[in-house]
């Protein structure tokens, strides 16, 4: 009986720290593959896929390990829009997130985002065909 208790105790002593290390590794690897930043949309902006973002603050989630990630916009914890983008390398990291808009007719289209602290920009798929003009 003492041997069974001893073996069970040793197994628990080994398993608990091992499980904690595996969970931590999973958590850290997940966080490093997604960039989350807060963005302020200053115009009611259309996305190339037809979705519209109202003026306001959003949490933007960007998968970093993809050449054509889906940018996800959350407001009040709810996913409100998702749009495909193309990754473009930049020479410098902007200090803060920068957003580009293009006017087409009476509408503003969100065309690209450069997250602060990254040497990448994300061009909204389909936006490269839009021309400026009123």
N, C-alpha and C. Protein backbone atom coordinates (compact mmCIF):
# COMPACT_ATOMS: atom_id res chain seq x y z
N UNK A 1 0.82 -1.20 0.00
CA UNK A 1 0.00 0.00 0.00
C UNK A 1 0.86 1.25 0.00
N UNK A 2 1.96 1.22 0.82
CA UNK A 2 2.85 2.37 0.87
C UNK A 2 3.51 2.60 -0.48
N UNK A 3 3.84 1.52 -1.19
CA UNK A 3 4.47 1.65 -2.51
C UNK A 3 3.54 2.32 -3.51
N UNK A 4 2.25 1.97 -3.48
CA UNK A 4 1.29 2.59 -4.39
C UNK A 4 1.15 4.08 -4.11
N UNK A 5 1.12 4.47 -2.86
CA UNK A 5 1.02 5.88 -2.48
C UNK A 5 2.28 6.62 -2.91
N UNK A 6 3.44 6.00 -2.70
CA UNK A 6 4.70 6.61 -3.07
C UNK A 6 4.79 6.80 -4.58
N UNK A 7 4.42 5.76 -5.35
CA UNK A 7 4.44 5.85 -6.81
C UNK A 7 3.46 6.92 -7.29
N UNK A 8 2.26 6.97 -6.72
CA UNK A 8 1.27 7.98 -7.11
C UNK A 8 1.75 9.38 -6.78
N UNK A 9 2.38 9.54 -5.64
CA UNK A 9 2.91 10.85 -5.23
C UNK A 9 4.02 11.30 -6.18
N UNK A 10 4.93 10.39 -6.51
CA UNK A 10 6.02 10.73 -7.43
C UNK A 10 5.47 11.08 -8.82
N UNK A 11 4.49 10.35 -9.28
CA UNK A 11 3.89 10.63 -10.59
C UNK A 11 3.25 12.02 -10.59
N UNK A 12 2.59 12.37 -9.50
CA UNK A 12 1.96 13.70 -9.41
C UNK A 12 3.02 14.79 -9.36
N UNK A 13 4.10 14.55 -8.63
CA UNK A 13 5.18 15.55 -8.52
C UNK A 13 5.80 15.80 -9.89
N UNK A 14 5.91 14.79 -10.71
CA UNK A 14 6.48 14.94 -12.05
C UNK A 14 5.46 15.50 -13.03
N UNK A 15 4.23 15.03 -12.97
CA UNK A 15 3.21 15.40 -13.96
C UNK A 15 2.76 16.85 -13.84
N UNK A 16 2.59 17.35 -12.63
CA UNK A 16 2.06 18.71 -12.46
C UNK A 16 2.99 19.76 -13.06
N UNK A 17 4.30 19.77 -12.74
CA UNK A 17 5.18 20.77 -13.37
C UNK A 17 5.29 20.59 -14.88
N UNK A 18 5.30 19.34 -15.34
CA UNK A 18 5.37 19.09 -16.78
C UNK A 18 4.15 19.66 -17.49
N UNK A 19 2.97 19.45 -16.91
CA UNK A 19 1.74 20.00 -17.47
C UNK A 19 1.78 21.53 -17.49
N UNK A 20 2.28 22.13 -16.43
CA UNK A 20 2.37 23.59 -16.36
C UNK A 20 3.30 24.14 -17.44
N UNK A 21 4.43 23.47 -17.66
CA UNK A 21 5.37 23.91 -18.70
C UNK A 21 4.73 23.79 -20.08
N UNK A 22 4.00 22.72 -20.34
CA UNK A 22 3.34 22.54 -21.64
C UNK A 22 2.28 23.61 -21.86
N UNK A 23 1.51 23.93 -20.84
CA UNK A 23 0.48 24.97 -20.97
C UNK A 23 1.12 26.33 -21.23
N UNK A 24 2.19 26.63 -20.50
CA UNK A 24 2.86 27.92 -20.69
C UNK A 24 3.44 28.02 -22.09
N UNK A 25 4.05 26.96 -22.58
CA UNK A 25 4.62 26.97 -23.93
C UNK A 25 3.54 27.20 -24.97
N UNK A 26 2.41 26.55 -24.80
CA UNK A 26 1.29 26.74 -25.73
C UNK A 26 0.78 28.17 -25.69
N UNK A 27 0.65 28.72 -24.49
CA UNK A 27 0.14 30.09 -24.33
C UNK A 27 1.09 31.09 -24.96
N UNK A 28 2.40 30.95 -24.71
CA UNK A 28 3.35 31.90 -25.25
C UNK A 28 3.45 31.78 -26.77
N UNK A 29 3.40 30.58 -27.31
CA UNK A 29 3.49 30.44 -28.76
C UNK A 29 2.26 31.01 -29.44
N UNK A 30 1.08 30.89 -28.82
CA UNK A 30 -0.13 31.47 -29.40
C UNK A 30 -0.04 32.99 -29.41
N UNK A 31 0.39 33.59 -28.31
CA UNK A 31 0.45 35.04 -28.24
C UNK A 31 1.46 35.62 -29.22
N UNK A 32 2.53 34.90 -29.51
CA UNK A 32 3.53 35.44 -30.41
C UNK A 32 3.09 35.37 -31.87
N UNK A 33 2.07 34.60 -32.19
CA UNK A 33 1.65 34.47 -33.57
C UNK A 33 0.50 35.40 -33.93
N UNK A 34 0.00 36.16 -32.94
CA UNK A 34 -1.10 37.09 -33.18
C UNK A 34 -0.75 38.44 -32.57
N UNK A 35 -0.87 39.49 -33.35
CA UNK A 35 -0.67 40.85 -32.86
C UNK A 35 -2.04 41.44 -32.59
N UNK A 36 -2.23 41.96 -31.40
CA UNK A 36 -3.48 42.62 -31.04
C UNK A 36 -3.16 44.08 -30.73
N UNK A 37 -3.92 44.97 -31.31
CA UNK A 37 -3.73 46.40 -31.07
C UNK A 37 -5.08 47.10 -31.10
N UNK A 38 -5.14 48.22 -30.43
CA UNK A 38 -6.36 49.03 -30.46
C UNK A 38 -6.24 50.05 -31.58
N UNK A 39 -7.30 50.22 -32.35
CA UNK A 39 -7.30 51.19 -33.44
C UNK A 39 -8.55 52.07 -33.33
N UNK A 40 -8.39 53.31 -33.75
CA UNK A 40 -9.51 54.24 -33.81
C UNK A 40 -9.84 54.48 -35.28
N UNK A 41 -11.05 54.16 -35.67
CA UNK A 41 -11.53 54.40 -37.03
C UNK A 41 -12.15 55.79 -37.01
N UNK A 42 -11.54 56.72 -37.76
CA UNK A 42 -11.98 58.12 -37.68
C UNK A 42 -13.03 58.49 -38.72
N UNK A 43 -13.28 57.63 -39.67
CA UNK A 43 -14.34 57.81 -40.67
C UNK A 43 -15.19 56.55 -40.66
N UNK A 44 -16.44 56.66 -41.05
CA UNK A 44 -17.17 55.43 -41.33
C UNK A 44 -16.48 54.86 -42.56
N UNK A 45 -15.90 53.68 -42.42
CA UNK A 45 -15.05 53.15 -43.47
C UNK A 45 -15.57 51.83 -44.00
N UNK A 46 -15.57 51.72 -45.31
CA UNK A 46 -15.94 50.46 -45.95
C UNK A 46 -14.68 49.63 -46.14
N UNK A 47 -14.88 48.32 -46.11
CA UNK A 47 -13.81 47.39 -46.42
C UNK A 47 -14.06 46.84 -47.82
N UNK A 48 -13.02 46.36 -48.46
CA UNK A 48 -13.15 45.88 -49.84
C UNK A 48 -14.15 44.74 -49.97
N UNK A 49 -14.41 44.01 -48.89
CA UNK A 49 -15.35 42.89 -48.95
C UNK A 49 -16.80 43.32 -48.71
N UNK A 50 -17.04 44.64 -48.62
CA UNK A 50 -18.41 45.14 -48.46
C UNK A 50 -18.81 45.47 -47.03
N UNK A 51 -18.05 45.00 -46.04
CA UNK A 51 -18.37 45.32 -44.65
C UNK A 51 -18.08 46.80 -44.39
N UNK A 52 -18.79 47.37 -43.41
CA UNK A 52 -18.59 48.76 -43.03
C UNK A 52 -18.24 48.83 -41.55
N UNK A 53 -17.21 49.62 -41.23
CA UNK A 53 -16.84 49.88 -39.84
C UNK A 53 -17.31 51.29 -39.49
N UNK A 54 -18.10 51.41 -38.44
CA UNK A 54 -18.53 52.72 -37.98
C UNK A 54 -17.37 53.39 -37.27
N UNK A 55 -17.43 54.72 -37.16
CA UNK A 55 -16.41 55.44 -36.41
C UNK A 55 -16.38 54.90 -34.99
N UNK A 56 -15.18 54.77 -34.44
CA UNK A 56 -15.06 54.30 -33.07
C UNK A 56 -13.78 53.53 -32.83
N UNK A 57 -13.67 53.00 -31.63
CA UNK A 57 -12.49 52.23 -31.23
C UNK A 57 -12.74 50.74 -31.41
N UNK A 58 -11.73 50.06 -31.90
CA UNK A 58 -11.81 48.63 -32.16
C UNK A 58 -10.54 47.96 -31.64
N UNK A 59 -10.66 46.68 -31.32
CA UNK A 59 -9.49 45.85 -31.07
C UNK A 59 -9.23 45.14 -32.39
N UNK A 60 -8.03 45.26 -32.90
CA UNK A 60 -7.65 44.63 -34.16
C UNK A 60 -6.75 43.44 -33.85
N UNK A 61 -7.07 42.29 -34.42
CA UNK A 61 -6.30 41.07 -34.24
C UNK A 61 -5.71 40.69 -35.59
N UNK A 62 -4.38 40.53 -35.61
CA UNK A 62 -3.67 40.24 -36.86
C UNK A 62 -2.84 38.97 -36.70
N UNK A 63 -3.14 37.90 -37.45
CA UNK A 63 -2.26 36.73 -37.44
C UNK A 63 -0.94 37.09 -38.12
N UNK A 64 0.18 36.80 -37.46
CA UNK A 64 1.48 37.21 -37.99
C UNK A 64 2.18 36.15 -38.84
N UNK A 65 1.75 34.92 -38.78
CA UNK A 65 2.43 33.85 -39.50
C UNK A 65 1.76 33.48 -40.80
N UNK A 66 1.17 34.46 -41.47
CA UNK A 66 0.47 34.20 -42.73
C UNK A 66 0.82 35.28 -43.73
N UNK A 67 0.94 34.89 -45.00
CA UNK A 67 1.20 35.87 -46.05
C UNK A 67 -0.07 36.60 -46.47
N UNK A 68 -1.23 36.01 -46.18
CA UNK A 68 -2.51 36.66 -46.48
C UNK A 68 -3.46 36.45 -45.29
N UNK A 69 -3.18 37.16 -44.18
CA UNK A 69 -3.99 36.97 -42.98
C UNK A 69 -5.36 37.63 -43.09
N UNK A 70 -6.28 37.16 -42.27
CA UNK A 70 -7.57 37.83 -42.11
C UNK A 70 -7.45 38.77 -40.92
N UNK A 71 -7.63 40.05 -41.16
CA UNK A 71 -7.63 41.04 -40.08
C UNK A 71 -9.00 40.99 -39.43
N UNK A 72 -9.03 40.94 -38.10
CA UNK A 72 -10.31 40.83 -37.39
C UNK A 72 -10.51 42.05 -36.51
N UNK A 73 -11.67 42.68 -36.66
CA UNK A 73 -12.02 43.87 -35.90
C UNK A 73 -13.06 43.49 -34.85
N UNK A 74 -12.77 43.78 -33.58
CA UNK A 74 -13.68 43.49 -32.47
C UNK A 74 -14.11 44.81 -31.83
N UNK A 75 -15.36 44.84 -31.41
CA UNK A 75 -15.87 45.99 -30.67
C UNK A 75 -16.72 45.43 -29.53
N UNK A 76 -16.40 45.86 -28.31
CA UNK A 76 -17.10 45.37 -27.11
C UNK A 76 -17.02 43.85 -27.01
N UNK A 77 -15.87 43.28 -27.40
CA UNK A 77 -15.67 41.84 -27.31
C UNK A 77 -16.31 41.02 -28.40
N UNK A 78 -16.98 41.67 -29.34
CA UNK A 78 -17.69 40.96 -30.41
C UNK A 78 -16.99 41.19 -31.75
N UNK A 79 -16.80 40.12 -32.51
CA UNK A 79 -16.23 40.25 -33.85
C UNK A 79 -17.24 40.96 -34.75
N UNK A 80 -16.84 42.12 -35.31
CA UNK A 80 -17.77 42.88 -36.15
C UNK A 80 -17.38 42.85 -37.63
N UNK A 81 -16.11 42.56 -37.92
CA UNK A 81 -15.69 42.47 -39.32
C UNK A 81 -14.39 41.70 -39.42
N UNK A 82 -14.23 41.04 -40.54
CA UNK A 82 -13.00 40.33 -40.86
C UNK A 82 -12.73 40.57 -42.34
N UNK A 83 -11.48 40.85 -42.67
CA UNK A 83 -11.15 41.14 -44.06
C UNK A 83 -9.76 40.58 -44.38
N UNK A 84 -9.60 39.96 -45.55
CA UNK A 84 -8.27 39.46 -45.93
C UNK A 84 -7.34 40.61 -46.28
N UNK A 85 -6.05 40.38 -46.01
CA UNK A 85 -5.04 41.40 -46.31
C UNK A 85 -3.79 40.73 -46.86
N UNK A 86 -2.96 41.53 -47.49
CA UNK A 86 -1.66 41.08 -47.97
C UNK A 86 -0.59 41.75 -47.13
N UNK A 87 0.45 41.00 -46.77
CA UNK A 87 1.53 41.51 -45.94
C UNK A 87 2.59 42.17 -46.82
N UNK A 88 3.04 43.33 -46.38
CA UNK A 88 4.09 44.06 -47.08
C UNK A 88 5.17 44.42 -46.06
N UNK A 89 6.43 44.15 -46.36
CA UNK A 89 7.53 44.50 -45.46
C UNK A 89 7.80 45.99 -45.55
N UNK A 90 8.11 46.57 -44.40
CA UNK A 90 8.42 48.00 -44.30
C UNK A 90 9.84 48.19 -43.80
N UNK A 91 10.46 49.32 -44.13
CA UNK A 91 11.83 49.60 -43.70
C UNK A 91 11.90 49.96 -42.22
N UNK A 92 10.86 50.62 -41.71
CA UNK A 92 10.87 51.07 -40.32
C UNK A 92 9.57 50.69 -39.62
N UNK A 93 9.65 50.65 -38.29
CA UNK A 93 8.47 50.41 -37.48
C UNK A 93 7.83 51.75 -37.15
N UNK A 94 6.54 51.92 -37.42
CA UNK A 94 5.90 53.17 -36.98
C UNK A 94 5.74 53.14 -35.45
N UNK A 95 5.86 54.29 -34.80
CA UNK A 95 5.71 54.31 -33.33
C UNK A 95 4.29 54.01 -32.88
N UNK A 96 3.31 54.32 -33.71
CA UNK A 96 1.90 54.07 -33.39
C UNK A 96 1.24 53.50 -34.64
N UNK A 97 0.10 52.87 -34.45
CA UNK A 97 -0.62 52.27 -35.58
C UNK A 97 -1.10 53.36 -36.53
N UNK A 98 -0.86 53.16 -37.81
CA UNK A 98 -1.28 54.10 -38.86
C UNK A 98 -2.29 53.40 -39.76
N UNK A 99 -3.34 54.14 -40.14
CA UNK A 99 -4.39 53.59 -40.99
C UNK A 99 -4.52 54.49 -42.22
N UNK A 100 -4.59 53.88 -43.40
CA UNK A 100 -4.78 54.62 -44.65
C UNK A 100 -6.20 54.41 -45.15
N UNK A 101 -6.78 55.50 -45.63
CA UNK A 101 -8.12 55.48 -46.22
C UNK A 101 -8.01 56.00 -47.65
N UNK A 102 -8.92 55.57 -48.50
CA UNK A 102 -9.04 56.09 -49.85
C UNK A 102 -10.50 56.47 -50.07
N UNK A 103 -10.70 57.67 -50.61
CA UNK A 103 -12.07 58.13 -50.90
C UNK A 103 -12.44 57.65 -52.30
N UNK A 104 -13.62 57.05 -52.40
CA UNK A 104 -14.17 56.64 -53.69
C UNK A 104 -15.62 57.10 -53.68
N UNK A 105 -15.92 58.08 -54.48
CA UNK A 105 -17.26 58.67 -54.45
C UNK A 105 -17.46 59.35 -53.11
N UNK A 106 -18.55 59.06 -52.46
CA UNK A 106 -18.83 59.65 -51.15
C UNK A 106 -18.35 58.76 -50.01
N UNK A 107 -17.74 57.64 -50.30
CA UNK A 107 -17.36 56.68 -49.26
C UNK A 107 -15.85 56.68 -49.01
N UNK A 108 -15.49 56.40 -47.76
CA UNK A 108 -14.10 56.20 -47.37
C UNK A 108 -13.86 54.69 -47.28
N UNK A 109 -12.80 54.22 -47.88
CA UNK A 109 -12.42 52.81 -47.82
C UNK A 109 -11.14 52.68 -47.01
N UNK A 110 -11.12 51.73 -46.09
CA UNK A 110 -9.91 51.43 -45.34
C UNK A 110 -9.03 50.59 -46.26
N UNK A 111 -7.81 51.07 -46.56
CA UNK A 111 -6.98 50.40 -47.55
C UNK A 111 -5.75 49.71 -46.98
N UNK A 112 -5.20 50.22 -45.87
CA UNK A 112 -4.05 49.55 -45.27
C UNK A 112 -3.89 49.96 -43.81
N UNK A 113 -3.18 49.10 -43.09
CA UNK A 113 -2.89 49.34 -41.67
C UNK A 113 -1.43 49.00 -41.43
N UNK A 114 -0.74 49.91 -40.72
CA UNK A 114 0.64 49.68 -40.29
C UNK A 114 0.65 49.69 -38.76
N UNK A 115 0.64 48.50 -38.14
CA UNK A 115 0.61 48.45 -36.68
C UNK A 115 1.90 49.01 -36.07
N UNK A 116 1.75 49.78 -35.01
CA UNK A 116 2.91 50.30 -34.31
C UNK A 116 3.80 49.17 -33.81
N UNK A 117 5.11 49.35 -33.98
CA UNK A 117 6.06 48.37 -33.48
C UNK A 117 6.35 47.21 -34.41
N UNK A 118 5.73 47.16 -35.58
CA UNK A 118 6.00 46.07 -36.54
C UNK A 118 6.58 46.65 -37.83
N UNK A 119 7.48 45.92 -38.44
CA UNK A 119 8.02 46.30 -39.74
C UNK A 119 7.20 45.68 -40.86
N UNK A 120 5.89 45.68 -40.67
CA UNK A 120 4.96 45.13 -41.66
C UNK A 120 3.79 46.07 -41.82
N UNK A 121 3.25 46.09 -43.03
CA UNK A 121 1.96 46.75 -43.24
C UNK A 121 1.03 45.70 -43.82
N UNK A 122 -0.26 45.96 -43.68
CA UNK A 122 -1.27 45.01 -44.13
C UNK A 122 -2.19 45.74 -45.08
N UNK A 123 -2.10 45.38 -46.36
CA UNK A 123 -2.90 46.00 -47.40
C UNK A 123 -4.18 45.19 -47.54
N UNK A 124 -5.31 45.87 -47.42
CA UNK A 124 -6.60 45.19 -47.49
C UNK A 124 -6.76 44.61 -48.88
N UNK A 125 -7.03 43.32 -48.94
CA UNK A 125 -7.20 42.63 -50.22
C UNK A 125 -8.30 43.31 -51.03
N UNK A 126 -8.02 43.57 -52.29
CA UNK A 126 -9.00 44.20 -53.17
C UNK A 126 -8.93 45.71 -53.15
N UNK A 127 -8.23 46.30 -52.19
CA UNK A 127 -8.19 47.76 -52.10
C UNK A 127 -7.21 48.37 -53.08
N UNK A 128 -6.27 47.59 -53.62
CA UNK A 128 -5.27 48.14 -54.54
C UNK A 128 -5.90 48.59 -55.85
N UNK A 129 -7.12 48.13 -56.16
CA UNK A 129 -7.77 48.52 -57.39
C UNK A 129 -8.58 49.80 -57.23
N UNK A 130 -8.70 50.30 -56.00
CA UNK A 130 -9.48 51.52 -55.76
C UNK A 130 -8.66 52.73 -56.12
N UNK A 131 -9.29 53.72 -56.69
CA UNK A 131 -8.63 54.96 -57.06
C UNK A 131 -9.18 56.08 -56.19
N UNK A 132 -8.33 57.04 -55.86
CA UNK A 132 -8.79 58.20 -55.11
C UNK A 132 -9.60 59.08 -56.03
N UNK A 133 -10.54 59.80 -55.42
CA UNK A 133 -11.34 60.72 -56.21
C UNK A 133 -12.70 60.90 -55.61
N UNK A 134 -13.36 61.98 -55.98
CA UNK A 134 -14.68 62.27 -55.42
C UNK A 134 -15.77 62.03 -56.42
